Amino acid sequence: MNKKKQILVSMFDNIKSNRSYTVVDIRQWLLSNHLQDVITQIRITQDKDVRRTLKCKLPAITPSGIFHRRNSNGLVEPSSLICIDIDGKDNPSISDMEKLKKRLGKLSYIMYVGLSASGTGLFCIIPYTDYRNHKLYFNSLKLEFEKMGIIIDKSCSDITRLRLASYDEQPYLNWDAVPYEKTLDENDCVKVRDLIKTEILQDNIADNKVNDFDFVANQLLNPTNLDLAHVIPQSKKNEVVRLVNAIIESKVDITRNYQDWFTICCIIKNYFGAGGIALFHDISKLYPNYSPEETEKLYSSIKQWQYRYRSDRLFEIAAKYGIL
């Protein structure tokens, strides 16, 4: 490890502790292997209770600084770091965390990426410039990762959040990472989603138009939107309803990727018209940051058969998350 100024953070006995008992250089803490045996036991045990008990005994740090007490008024010295968690349960479509680690390592602002204690997720340490904007940095990172199809734990917006000790034989390291500078106010999140939607709309239009002649010919040869709605057999609609119900029952969010969410919206609108709004809300509610207003806005903005997605695409999306 290169000899740079220490980045000190508070250490706590375990995840339930509110008072710090010492401080530690976060770089040294990240590379420590003294808990390797315990971490290995956590990762190999099949007993959930044993795993939970072992994790509760792990020491933890506050990556964002030194705290005499773990609350917003207890900050003594900020580290100008934010830790974001990528939980496997929130990202069922991501099966290879090692591959994701390499992918994230290409981002200039990533200082560290390593496996979580359970081994089924990752956590990233990212430098920023102003601790007072911690939550605004998080908002921006959340959307940036969402555009990559990755859901990060919303609890990481809390500057006092603890990070459990872990161990990774091959973490990604970049002590010279560029501080992250983008911020985003919560009130602007919907506006940014609108920008994302615009990008996707343009992509869909580009995908549908091989060239102007083909596009015009296609429109002339295709039946009208009304005709398409009439020729959909009831059995196909029933299949979609059954799949949506299976998704809801599984409690697995398949809308975390904006492109997938947009596609699902188009499919439900194509098959059910205005009457499908309740189905779209039901499936959208599984998203951790579900917004009724945003869901309503997207559904009402798309015309029936404006984009010619069919039910087989919905089954493909569901299959990515293990739902068939």
C-alpha atoms as a PDB file:
ATOM      1  CA  MET A   1       0.000   0.000   0.000  1.00  0.00           C
ATOM      2  CA  ASN A   2       1.403   3.391  -0.931  1.00  0.00           C
ATOM      3  CA  LYS A   3       2.311   5.763   1.868  1.00  0.00           C
ATOM      4  CA  LYS A   4      -0.378   8.375   1.704  1.00  0.00           C
ATOM      5  CA  LYS A   5      -2.018  10.337   4.465  1.00  0.00           C
ATOM      6  CA  GLN A   6      -4.230   8.102   6.555  1.00  0.00           C
ATOM      7  CA  ILE A   7      -7.987   8.265   6.072  1.00  0.00           C
ATOM      8  CA  LEU A   8      -9.327   7.726   9.565  1.00  0.00           C
ATOM      9  CA  VAL A   9     -12.790   6.359  10.302  1.00  0.00           C
ATOM     10  CA  SER A  10     -14.539   5.123  13.436  1.00  0.00           C
ATOM     11  CA  MET A  11     -14.680   1.452  14.345  1.00  0.00           C
ATOM     12  CA  PHE A  12     -17.522  -0.166  16.273  1.00  0.00           C
ATOM     13  CA  ASP A  13     -17.730  -3.495  18.106  1.00  0.00           C
ATOM     14  CA  ASN A  14     -20.604  -4.696  15.954  1.00  0.00           C
ATOM     15  CA  ILE A  15     -23.549  -3.538  13.888  1.00  0.00           C
ATOM     16  CA  LYS A  16     -25.650  -2.812  16.986  1.00  0.00           C
ATOM     17  CA  SER A  17     -23.082  -0.528  18.641  1.00  0.00           C
ATOM     18  CA  ASN A  18     -23.709   3.208  18.745  1.00  0.00           C
ATOM     19  CA  ARG A  19     -20.429   4.264  20.343  1.00  0.00           C
ATOM     20  CA  SER A  20     -17.094   3.980  18.575  1.00  0.00           C
ATOM     21  CA  TYR A  21     -14.241   2.384  20.510  1.00  0.00           C
ATOM     22  CA  THR A  22     -11.327   3.337  18.236  1.00  0.00           C
ATOM     23  CA  VAL A  23     -10.331   4.803  14.871  1.00  0.00           C
ATOM     24  CA  VAL A  24      -8.618   3.019  12.003  1.00  0.00           C
ATOM     25  CA  ASP A  25      -7.129   3.879   8.620  1.00  0.00           C
ATOM     26  CA  ILE A  26      -9.803   2.725   6.175  1.00  0.00           C
ATOM     27  CA  ARG A  27      -7.241   1.534   3.641  1.00  0.00           C
ATOM     28  CA  GLN A  28      -5.590  -0.709   6.194  1.00  0.00           C
ATOM     29  CA  TRP A  29      -9.001  -1.935   7.370  1.00  0.00           C
ATOM     30  CA  LEU A  30     -10.130  -2.788   3.837  1.00  0.00           C
ATOM     31  CA  LEU A  31      -7.055  -4.942   3.206  1.00  0.00           C
ATOM     32  CA  SER A  32      -7.010  -6.703   6.568  1.00  0.00           C
ATOM     33  CA  ASN A  33      -7.375 -10.488   6.506  1.00  0.00           C
ATOM     34  CA  HIS A  34      -7.589 -11.190  10.252  1.00  0.00           C
ATOM     35  CA  LEU A  35     -11.298 -12.083   9.950  1.00  0.00           C
ATOM     36  CA  GLN A  36     -10.852 -14.296   6.901  1.00  0.00           C
ATOM     37  CA  ASP A  37     -11.804 -17.502   8.739  1.00  0.00           C
ATOM     38  CA  VAL A  38     -15.019 -16.005  10.134  1.00  0.00           C
ATOM     39  CA  ILE A  39     -15.957 -14.533   6.758  1.00  0.00           C
ATOM     40  CA  THR A  40     -15.367 -17.898   5.082  1.00  0.00           C
ATOM     41  CA  GLN A  41     -17.633 -19.560   7.633  1.00  0.00           C
ATOM     42  CA  ILE A  42     -20.363 -16.988   6.938  1.00  0.00           C
ATOM     43  CA  ARG A  43     -20.133 -17.666   3.218  1.00  0.00           C
ATOM     44  CA  ILE A  44     -20.215 -21.457   3.367  1.00  0.00           C
ATOM     45  CA  THR A  45     -22.837 -22.043   6.064  1.00  0.00           C
ATOM     46  CA  GLN A  46     -26.310 -23.000   4.870  1.00  0.00           C
ATOM     47  CA  ASP A  47     -27.910 -22.165   8.217  1.00  0.00           C
ATOM     48  CA  LYS A  48     -29.441 -18.677   8.040  1.00  0.00           C
ATOM     49  CA  ASP A  49     -29.518 -18.305  11.823  1.00  0.00           C
ATOM     50  CA  VAL A  50     -25.841 -19.174  12.134  1.00  0.00           C
ATOM     51  CA  ARG A  51     -24.994 -16.764   9.335  1.00  0.00           C
ATOM     52  CA  ARG A  52     -26.988 -13.977  10.982  1.00  0.00           C
ATOM     53  CA  THR A  53     -25.357 -14.596  14.370  1.00  0.00           C
ATOM     54  CA  LEU A  54     -21.859 -14.540  12.895  1.00  0.00           C
ATOM     55  CA  LYS A  55     -22.525 -11.345  10.947  1.00  0.00           C
ATOM     56  CA  CYS A  56     -23.862  -9.614  14.063  1.00  0.00           C
ATOM     57  CA  LYS A  57     -20.528 -10.259  15.774  1.00  0.00           C
ATOM     58  CA  LEU A  58     -18.445  -8.672  13.017  1.00  0.00           C
ATOM     59  CA  PRO A  59     -16.837  -5.293  13.769  1.00  0.00           C
ATOM     60  CA  ALA A  60     -17.901  -2.380  11.597  1.00  0.00           C
ATOM     61  CA  ILE A  61     -16.780   1.076  10.556  1.00  0.00           C
ATOM     62  CA  THR A  62     -18.403   4.330   9.503  1.00  0.00           C
ATOM     63  CA  PRO A  63     -16.721   4.861   6.091  1.00  0.00           C
ATOM     64  CA  SER A  64     -17.812   8.493   5.945  1.00  0.00           C
ATOM     65  CA  GLY A  65     -15.769   9.642   8.919  1.00  0.00           C
ATOM     66  CA  ILE A  66     -15.025   9.680  12.635  1.00  0.00           C
ATOM     67  CA  PHE A  67     -18.092   9.716  14.889  1.00  0.00           C
ATOM     68  CA  HIS A  68     -18.125   9.880  18.680  1.00  0.00           C
ATOM     69  CA  ARG A  69     -21.706   8.630  18.468  1.00  0.00           C
ATOM     70  CA  ARG A  70     -23.376   7.164  15.417  1.00  0.00           C
ATOM     71  CA  ASN A  71     -25.883   9.885  14.631  1.00  0.00           C
ATOM     72  CA  SER A  72     -25.959  12.947  12.397  1.00  0.00           C
ATOM     73  CA  ASN A  73     -24.759  15.207  15.218  1.00  0.00           C
ATOM     74  CA  GLY A  74     -21.917  12.891  16.189  1.00  0.00           C
ATOM     75  CA  LEU A  75     -19.632  13.557  13.212  1.00  0.00           C
ATOM     76  CA  VAL A  76     -16.187  14.677  14.396  1.00  0.00           C
ATOM     77  CA  GLU A  77     -14.148  14.477  11.206  1.00  0.00           C
ATOM     78  CA  PRO A  78     -15.463  13.598   7.722  1.00  0.00           C
ATOM     79  CA  SER A  79     -13.470  11.223   5.527  1.00  0.00           C
ATOM     80  CA  SER A  80     -15.040  12.551   2.314  1.00  0.00           C
ATOM     81  CA  LEU A  81     -15.968   8.988   1.369  1.00  0.00           C
ATOM     82  CA  ILE A  82     -19.262   7.290   0.629  1.00  0.00           C
ATOM     83  CA  CYS A  83     -19.821   3.546   0.698  1.00  0.00           C
ATOM     84  CA  ILE A  84     -22.486   2.058  -1.551  1.00  0.00           C
ATOM     85  CA  ASP A  85     -23.802  -1.485  -1.229  1.00  0.00           C
ATOM     86  CA  ILE A  86     -24.859  -3.733  -4.102  1.00  0.00           C
ATOM     87  CA  ASP A  87     -26.908  -6.560  -2.628  1.00  0.00           C
ATOM     88  CA  GLY A  88     -27.368  -9.757  -4.603  1.00  0.00           C
ATOM     89  CA  LYS A  89     -30.995  -9.983  -3.443  1.00  0.00           C
ATOM     90  CA  ASP A  90     -31.728  -6.596  -5.010  1.00  0.00           C
ATOM     91  CA  ASN A  91     -29.953  -7.556  -8.232  1.00  0.00           C
ATOM     92  CA  PRO A  92     -31.031 -11.115  -9.101  1.00  0.00           C
ATOM     93  CA  SER A  93     -30.066 -10.662 -12.746  1.00  0.00           C
ATOM     94  CA  ILE A  94     -26.407 -10.210 -11.728  1.00  0.00           C
ATOM     95  CA  SER A  95     -24.969 -13.695 -11.285  1.00  0.00           C
ATOM     96  CA  ASP A  96     -21.239 -12.958 -11.519  1.00  0.00           C
ATOM     97  CA  MET A  97     -20.026 -10.508  -8.870  1.00  0.00           C
ATOM     98  CA  GLU A  98     -16.404 -10.921  -9.984  1.00  0.00           C
ATOM     99  CA  LYS A  99     -17.338  -9.767 -13.468  1.00  0.00           C
ATOM    100  CA  LEU A 100     -19.268  -6.829 -12.019  1.00  0.00           C
ATOM    101  CA  LYS A 101     -16.280  -5.939  -9.846  1.00  0.00           C
ATOM    102  CA  LYS A 102     -14.085  -5.636 -12.947  1.00  0.00           C
ATOM    103  CA  ARG A 103     -16.743  -3.591 -14.697  1.00  0.00           C
ATOM    104  CA  LEU A 104     -17.017  -1.140 -11.805  1.00  0.00           C
ATOM    105  CA  GLY A 105     -13.245  -0.934 -11.540  1.00  0.00           C
ATOM    106  CA  LYS A 106     -13.221   0.872 -14.871  1.00  0.00           C
ATOM    107  CA  LEU A 107     -15.011   3.846 -13.312  1.00  0.00           C
ATOM    108  CA  SER A 108     -12.504   6.564 -12.457  1.00  0.00           C
ATOM    109  CA  TYR A 109     -14.184   7.476  -9.160  1.00  0.00           C
ATOM    110  CA  ILE A 110     -14.117   3.978  -7.632  1.00  0.00           C
ATOM    111  CA  MET A 111     -11.488   3.692  -4.880  1.00  0.00           C
ATOM    112  CA  TYR A 112     -12.351   0.172  -3.747  1.00  0.00           C
ATOM    113  CA  VAL A 113     -14.687  -2.649  -4.757  1.00  0.00           C
ATOM    114  CA  GLY A 114     -14.863  -5.873  -2.785  1.00  0.00           C
ATOM    115  CA  LEU A 115     -17.147  -8.716  -1.802  1.00  0.00           C
ATOM    116  CA  SER A 116     -19.537  -8.247   1.101  1.00  0.00           C
ATOM    117  CA  ALA A 117     -19.326 -10.496   4.160  1.00  0.00           C
ATOM    118  CA  SER A 118     -21.933 -12.849   2.696  1.00  0.00           C
ATOM    119  CA  GLY A 119     -20.080 -13.046  -0.615  1.00  0.00           C
ATOM    120  CA  THR A 120     -23.313 -12.454  -2.524  1.00  0.00           C
ATOM    121  CA  GLY A 121     -22.883  -8.711  -2.942  1.00  0.00           C
ATOM    122  CA  LEU A 122     -20.328  -5.952  -3.381  1.00  0.00           C
ATOM    123  CA  PHE A 123     -19.541  -2.705  -1.653  1.00  0.00           C
ATOM    124  CA  CYS A 124     -17.787   0.265  -3.233  1.00  0.00           C
ATOM    125  CA  ILE A 125     -15.853   3.078  -1.572  1.00  0.00           C
ATOM    126  CA  ILE A 126     -16.046   6.343  -3.497  1.00  0.00           C
ATOM    127  CA  PRO A 127     -14.363   9.666  -2.642  1.00  0.00           C
ATOM    128  CA  TYR A 128     -16.216  12.969  -2.948  1.00  0.00           C
ATOM    129  CA  THR A 129     -15.385  16.571  -2.102  1.00  0.00           C
ATOM    130  CA  ASP A 130     -18.014  17.935   0.307  1.00  0.00           C
ATOM    131  CA  TYR A 131     -19.459  15.764   3.092  1.00  0.00           C
ATOM    132  CA  ARG A 132     -22.336  18.233   3.527  1.00  0.00           C
ATOM    133  CA  ASN A 133     -23.706  17.021   0.189  1.00  0.00           C
ATOM    134  CA  HIS A 134     -23.453  13.320   1.083  1.00  0.00           C
ATOM    135  CA  LYS A 135     -27.083  12.577   0.257  1.00  0.00           C
ATOM    136  CA  LEU A 136     -26.923  14.553  -2.998  1.00  0.00           C
ATOM    137  CA  TYR A 137     -23.911  12.533  -4.128  1.00  0.00           C
ATOM    138  CA  PHE A 138     -25.826   9.381  -3.252  1.00  0.00           C
ATOM    139  CA  ASN A 139     -28.861  10.475  -5.298  1.00  0.00           C
ATOM    140  CA  SER A 140     -26.656  10.995  -8.339  1.00  0.00           C
ATOM    141  CA  LEU A 141     -24.791   7.708  -7.865  1.00  0.00           C
ATOM    142  CA  LYS A 142     -28.055   5.841  -7.409  1.00  0.00           C
ATOM    143  CA  LEU A 143     -29.350   7.003 -10.787  1.00  0.00           C
ATOM    144  CA  GLU A 144     -25.992   6.517 -12.465  1.00  0.00           C
ATOM    145  CA  PHE A 145     -25.870   2.898 -11.301  1.00  0.00           C
ATOM    146  CA  GLU A 146     -29.531   2.409 -12.164  1.00  0.00           C
ATOM    147  CA  LYS A 147     -28.768   3.378 -15.754  1.00  0.00           C
ATOM    148  CA  MET A 148     -26.200   0.559 -15.713  1.00  0.00           C
ATOM    149  CA  GLY A 149     -28.909  -1.832 -14.501  1.00  0.00           C
ATOM    150  CA  ILE A 150     -27.603  -1.932 -10.913  1.00  0.00           C
ATOM    151  CA  ILE A 151     -29.643  -1.228  -7.784  1.00  0.00           C
ATOM    152  CA  ILE A 152     -27.741   0.161  -4.797  1.00  0.00           C
ATOM    153  CA  ASP A 153     -29.013   0.076  -1.225  1.00  0.00           C
ATOM    154  CA  LYS A 154     -30.903   3.300  -0.480  1.00  0.00           C
ATOM    155  CA  SER A 155     -29.762   3.132   3.167  1.00  0.00           C
ATOM    156  CA  CYS A 156     -26.333   4.261   1.960  1.00  0.00           C
ATOM    157  CA  SER A 157     -27.701   7.798   1.708  1.00  0.00           C
ATOM    158  CA  ASP A 158     -27.208   7.930   5.508  1.00  0.00           C
ATOM    159  CA  ILE A 159     -23.785   9.404   6.305  1.00  0.00           C
ATOM    160  CA  THR A 160     -23.720   7.467   9.605  1.00  0.00           C
ATOM    161  CA  ARG A 161     -24.274   4.073   7.956  1.00  0.00           C
ATOM    162  CA  LEU A 162     -22.069   1.210   9.130  1.00  0.00           C
ATOM    163  CA  ARG A 163     -20.003  -1.069   6.899  1.00  0.00           C
ATOM    164  CA  LEU A 164     -19.431  -4.591   8.212  1.00  0.00           C
ATOM    165  CA  ALA A 165     -15.950  -6.068   8.041  1.00  0.00           C
ATOM    166  CA  SER A 166     -15.352  -8.387   5.100  1.00  0.00           C
ATOM    167  CA  TYR A 167     -12.570 -10.033   3.147  1.00  0.00           C
ATOM    168  CA  ASP A 168     -11.798 -10.263  -0.549  1.00  0.00           C
ATOM    169  CA  GLU A 169      -8.725 -11.971  -1.956  1.00  0.00           C
ATOM    170  CA  GLN A 170      -8.875  -9.911  -5.139  1.00  0.00           C
ATOM    171  CA  PRO A 171     -10.495  -6.537  -4.495  1.00  0.00           C
ATOM    172  CA  TYR A 172     -10.287  -3.673  -6.959  1.00  0.00           C
ATOM    173  CA  LEU A 173      -8.105  -0.855  -5.593  1.00  0.00           C
ATOM    174  CA  ASN A 174      -7.361   2.647  -6.807  1.00  0.00           C
ATOM    175  CA  TRP A 175      -6.110   4.917  -4.047  1.00  0.00           C
ATOM    176  CA  ASP A 176      -5.852   7.720  -6.631  1.00  0.00           C
ATOM    177  CA  ALA A 177      -9.526   7.571  -7.600  1.00  0.00           C
ATOM    178  CA  VAL A 178     -10.978  10.831  -8.890  1.00  0.00           C
ATOM    179  CA  PRO A 179     -13.448  12.360  -6.392  1.00  0.00           C
ATOM    180  CA  TYR A 180     -17.053  12.027  -7.535  1.00  0.00           C
ATOM    181  CA  GLU A 181     -18.505  15.472  -8.232  1.00  0.00           C
ATOM    182  CA  LYS A 182     -22.070  15.013  -9.465  1.00  0.00           C
ATOM    183  CA  THR A 183     -24.918  15.861  -7.099  1.00  0.00           C
ATOM    184  CA  LEU A 184     -28.648  15.505  -7.487  1.00  0.00           C
ATOM    185  CA  ASP A 185     -31.442  16.946  -5.404  1.00  0.00           C
ATOM    186  CA  GLU A 186     -34.336  14.589  -4.668  1.00  0.00           C
ATOM    187  CA  ASN A 187     -36.728  16.982  -6.407  1.00  0.00           C
ATOM    188  CA  ASP A 188     -34.695  16.613  -9.593  1.00  0.00           C
ATOM    189  CA  CYS A 189     -34.768  12.800  -9.648  1.00  0.00           C
ATOM    190  CA  VAL A 190     -37.961  12.659 -11.702  1.00  0.00           C
ATOM    191  CA  LYS A 191     -36.513  15.182 -14.146  1.00  0.00           C
ATOM    192  CA  VAL A 192     -33.470  12.979 -14.636  1.00  0.00           C
ATOM    193  CA  ARG A 193     -35.741   9.975 -15.195  1.00  0.00           C
ATOM    194  CA  ASP A 194     -37.438  12.013 -17.913  1.00  0.00           C
ATOM    195  CA  LEU A 195     -34.041  12.480 -19.565  1.00  0.00           C
ATOM    196  CA  ILE A 196     -33.398   8.751 -19.346  1.00  0.00           C
ATOM    197  CA  LYS A 197     -36.817   8.113 -20.862  1.00  0.00           C
ATOM    198  CA  THR A 198     -36.050  10.498 -23.730  1.00  0.00           C
ATOM    199  CA  GLU A 199     -32.826   8.612 -24.469  1.00  0.00           C
ATOM    200  CA  ILE A 200     -34.709   5.301 -24.524  1.00  0.00           C
ATOM    201  CA  LEU A 201     -37.489   6.674 -26.707  1.00  0.00           C
ATOM    202  CA  GLN A 202     -34.890   7.847 -29.200  1.00  0.00           C
ATOM    203  CA  ASP A 203     -33.152   4.463 -29.089  1.00  0.00           C
ATOM    204  CA  ASN A 204     -36.446   2.661 -29.723  1.00  0.00           C
ATOM    205  CA  ILE A 205     -37.258   4.912 -32.646  1.00  0.00           C
ATOM    206  CA  ALA A 206     -33.785   4.295 -34.075  1.00  0.00           C
ATOM    207  CA  ASP A 207     -34.195   0.536 -33.623  1.00  0.00           C
ATOM    208  CA  ASN A 208     -37.569   0.546 -35.386  1.00  0.00           C
ATOM    209  CA  LYS A 209     -36.336   2.590 -38.356  1.00  0.00           C
ATOM    210  CA  VAL A 210     -33.907   0.599 -40.475  1.00  0.00           C
ATOM    211  CA  ASN A 211     -34.207   3.391 -43.006  1.00  0.00           C
ATOM    212  CA  ASP A 212     -36.931   5.859 -43.876  1.00  0.00           C
ATOM    213  CA  PHE A 213     -38.319   3.772 -46.743  1.00  0.00           C
ATOM    214  CA  ASP A 214     -38.548   0.596 -44.669  1.00  0.00           C
ATOM    215  CA  PHE A 215     -40.148   2.482 -41.815  1.00  0.00           C
ATOM    216  CA  VAL A 216     -42.843   4.100 -43.983  1.00  0.00           C
ATOM    217  CA  ALA A 217     -43.549   0.817 -45.793  1.00  0.00           C
ATOM    218  CA  ASN A 218     -43.838  -0.970 -42.486  1.00  0.00           C
ATOM    219  CA  GLN A 219     -46.377   1.543 -41.218  1.00  0.00           C
ATOM    220  CA  LEU A 220     -48.479   1.219 -44.379  1.00  0.00           C
ATOM    221  CA  LEU A 221     -48.513  -2.582 -44.277  1.00  0.00           C
ATOM    222  CA  ASN A 222     -49.205  -2.923 -40.551  1.00  0.00           C
ATOM    223  CA  PRO A 223     -52.795  -2.909 -39.236  1.00  0.00           C
ATOM    224  CA  THR A 224     -53.994   0.054 -37.244  1.00  0.00           C
ATOM    225  CA  ASN A 225     -53.524   0.247 -33.501  1.00  0.00           C
ATOM    226  CA  LEU A 226     -57.226  -0.477 -33.034  1.00  0.00           C
ATOM    227  CA  ASP A 227     -57.044  -3.550 -35.281  1.00  0.00           C
ATOM    228  CA  LEU A 228     -54.026  -4.869 -33.374  1.00  0.00           C
ATOM    229  CA  ALA A 229     -55.856  -4.525 -30.083  1.00  0.00           C
ATOM    230  CA  HIS A 230     -58.813  -6.459 -31.448  1.00  0.00           C
ATOM    231  CA  VAL A 231     -56.798  -9.381 -32.811  1.00  0.00           C
ATOM    232  CA  ILE A 232     -54.981 -10.177 -29.556  1.00  0.00           C
ATOM    233  CA  PRO A 233     -56.540 -13.417 -28.310  1.00  0.00           C
ATOM    234  CA  GLN A 234     -57.858 -13.424 -24.763  1.00  0.00           C
ATOM    235  CA  SER A 235     -55.512 -16.323 -23.990  1.00  0.00           C
ATOM    236  CA  LYS A 236     -52.514 -14.040 -24.600  1.00  0.00           C
ATOM    237  CA  LYS A 237     -53.909 -11.425 -22.249  1.00  0.00           C
ATOM    238  CA  ASN A 238     -54.503 -14.115 -19.640  1.00  0.00           C
ATOM    239  CA  GLU A 239     -50.873 -15.231 -19.985  1.00  0.00           C
ATOM    240  CA  VAL A 240     -49.679 -11.704 -19.266  1.00  0.00           C
ATOM    241  CA  VAL A 241     -51.961 -11.391 -16.229  1.00  0.00           C
ATOM    242  CA  ARG A 242     -50.764 -14.746 -14.880  1.00  0.00           C
ATOM    243  CA  LEU A 243     -47.133 -13.743 -15.332  1.00  0.00           C
ATOM    244  CA  VAL A 244     -47.663 -10.380 -13.623  1.00  0.00           C
ATOM    245  CA  ASN A 245     -49.360 -12.171 -10.715  1.00  0.00           C
ATOM    246  CA  ALA A 246     -46.428 -14.611 -10.500  1.00  0.00           C
ATOM    247  CA  ILE A 247     -43.998 -11.686 -10.409  1.00  0.00           C
ATOM    248  CA  ILE A 248     -45.982  -9.964  -7.660  1.00  0.00           C
ATOM    249  CA  GLU A 249     -46.184 -13.186  -5.663  1.00  0.00           C
ATOM    250  CA  SER A 250     -42.422 -13.710  -5.971  1.00  0.00           C
ATOM    251  CA  LYS A 251     -41.807 -10.138  -4.727  1.00  0.00           C
ATOM    252  CA  VAL A 252     -38.921  -9.847  -7.197  1.00  0.00           C
ATOM    253  CA  ASP A 253     -38.450  -6.437  -8.781  1.00  0.00           C
ATOM    254  CA  ILE A 254     -37.922  -6.808 -12.529  1.00  0.00           C
ATOM    255  CA  THR A 255     -38.213  -3.058 -13.233  1.00  0.00           C
ATOM    256  CA  ARG A 256     -34.899  -1.858 -11.782  1.00  0.00           C
ATOM    257  CA  ASN A 257     -33.439  -1.455 -15.255  1.00  0.00           C
ATOM    258  CA  TYR A 258     -35.169   1.529 -16.833  1.00  0.00           C
ATOM    259  CA  GLN A 259     -35.193  -0.044 -20.304  1.00  0.00           C
ATOM    260  CA  ASP A 260     -36.944  -3.123 -18.904  1.00  0.00           C
ATOM    261  CA  TRP A 261     -39.457  -0.970 -17.015  1.00  0.00           C
ATOM    262  CA  PHE A 262     -40.181   1.011 -20.173  1.00  0.00           C
ATOM    263  CA  THR A 263     -40.613  -2.203 -22.191  1.00  0.00           C
ATOM    264  CA  ILE A 264     -42.973  -3.703 -19.593  1.00  0.00           C
ATOM    265  CA  CYS A 265     -45.031  -0.519 -19.708  1.00  0.00           C
ATOM    266  CA  CYS A 266     -45.308  -0.751 -23.500  1.00  0.00           C
ATOM    267  CA  ILE A 267     -46.380  -4.411 -23.377  1.00  0.00           C
ATOM    268  CA  ILE A 268     -49.109  -3.843 -20.799  1.00  0.00           C
ATOM    269  CA  LYS A 269     -50.334  -0.758 -22.663  1.00  0.00           C
ATOM    270  CA  ASN A 270     -50.397  -2.674 -25.962  1.00  0.00           C
ATOM    271  CA  TYR A 271     -52.411  -5.565 -24.538  1.00  0.00           C
ATOM    272  CA  PHE A 272     -54.757  -3.746 -22.168  1.00  0.00           C
ATOM    273  CA  GLY A 273     -54.832  -0.110 -23.225  1.00  0.00           C
ATOM    274  CA  ALA A 274     -55.802   2.418 -20.556  1.00  0.00           C
ATOM    275  CA  GLY A 275     -57.298  -0.415 -18.494  1.00  0.00           C
ATOM    276  CA  GLY A 276     -53.855  -1.885 -17.798  1.00  0.00           C
ATOM    277  CA  ILE A 277     -52.699   0.915 -15.514  1.00  0.00           C
ATOM    278  CA  ALA A 278     -53.464  -1.092 -12.340  1.00  0.00           C
ATOM    279  CA  LEU A 279     -51.343  -4.004 -13.597  1.00  0.00           C
ATOM    280  CA  PHE A 280     -48.474  -1.639 -14.349  1.00  0.00           C
ATOM    281  CA  HIS A 281     -48.706  -0.112 -10.872  1.00  0.00           C
ATOM    282  CA  ASP A 282     -48.745  -3.581  -9.287  1.00  0.00           C
ATOM    283  CA  ILE A 283     -45.553  -4.617 -11.031  1.00  0.00           C
ATOM    284  CA  SER A 284     -43.885  -1.213 -10.493  1.00  0.00           C
ATOM    285  CA  LYS A 285     -44.547  -1.257  -6.728  1.00  0.00           C
ATOM    286  CA  LEU A 286     -41.830  -3.886  -6.311  1.00  0.00           C
ATOM    287  CA  TYR A 287     -39.207  -1.260  -7.164  1.00  0.00           C
ATOM    288  CA  PRO A 288     -37.647   0.039  -3.885  1.00  0.00           C
ATOM    289  CA  ASN A 289     -38.150   3.684  -4.897  1.00  0.00           C
ATOM    290  CA  TYR A 290     -41.550   3.240  -6.520  1.00  0.00           C
ATOM    291  CA  SER A 291     -43.310   6.499  -7.338  1.00  0.00           C
ATOM    292  CA  PRO A 292     -47.051   6.350  -8.171  1.00  0.00           C
ATOM    293  CA  GLU A 293     -46.791   9.685  -9.969  1.00  0.00           C
ATOM    294  CA  GLU A 294     -43.835   8.619 -12.103  1.00  0.00           C
ATOM    295  CA  THR A 295     -45.513   5.302 -12.924  1.00  0.00           C
ATOM    296  CA  GLU A 296     -48.738   7.046 -13.932  1.00  0.00           C
ATOM    297  CA  LYS A 297     -46.834   9.586 -15.987  1.00  0.00           C
ATOM    298  CA  LEU A 298     -44.940   6.957 -17.986  1.00  0.00           C
ATOM    299  CA  TYR A 299     -48.032   4.846 -18.659  1.00  0.00           C
ATOM    300  CA  SER A 300     -50.113   7.793 -19.838  1.00  0.00           C
ATOM    301  CA  SER A 301     -47.308   9.103 -22.059  1.00  0.00           C
ATOM    302  CA  ILE A 302     -47.191   5.956 -24.214  1.00  0.00           C
ATOM    303  CA  LYS A 303     -49.820   5.292 -26.865  1.00  0.00           C
ATOM    304  CA  GLN A 304     -51.153   1.795 -27.466  1.00  0.00           C
ATOM    305  CA  TRP A 305     -48.936   0.002 -30.024  1.00  0.00           C
ATOM    306  CA  GLN A 306     -46.670   3.037 -30.293  1.00  0.00           C
ATOM    307  CA  TYR A 307     -43.872   0.517 -29.695  1.00  0.00           C
ATOM    308  CA  ARG A 308     -44.541  -3.010 -30.906  1.00  0.00           C
ATOM    309  CA  TYR A 309     -43.383  -5.033 -27.933  1.00  0.00           C
ATOM    310  CA  ARG A 310     -45.282  -8.274 -27.379  1.00  0.00           C
ATOM    311  CA  SER A 311     -45.756 -10.648 -24.463  1.00  0.00           C
ATOM    312  CA  ASP A 312     -42.770 -12.859 -25.330  1.00  0.00           C
ATOM    313  CA  ARG A 313     -40.490  -9.961 -24.395  1.00  0.00           C
ATOM    314  CA  LEU A 314     -42.117  -9.773 -20.952  1.00  0.00           C
ATOM    315  CA  PHE A 315     -41.383 -13.476 -20.446  1.00  0.00           C
ATOM    316  CA  GLU A 316     -37.756 -12.873 -21.463  1.00  0.00           C
ATOM    317  CA  ILE A 317     -37.392 -10.084 -18.894  1.00  0.00           C
ATOM    318  CA  ALA A 318     -38.993 -12.203 -16.168  1.00  0.00           C
ATOM    319  CA  ALA A 319     -36.706 -15.127 -17.031  1.00  0.00           C
ATOM    320  CA  LYS A 320     -33.645 -12.965 -16.354  1.00  0.00           C
ATOM    321  CA  TYR A 321     -34.796 -12.775 -12.743  1.00  0.00           C
ATOM    322  CA  GLY A 322     -35.621 -16.464 -12.436  1.00  0.00           C
ATOM    323  CA  ILE A 323     -39.384 -16.065 -12.894  1.00  0.00           C
ATOM    324  CA  LEU A 324     -41.064 -18.368 -15.411  1.00  0.00           C
END
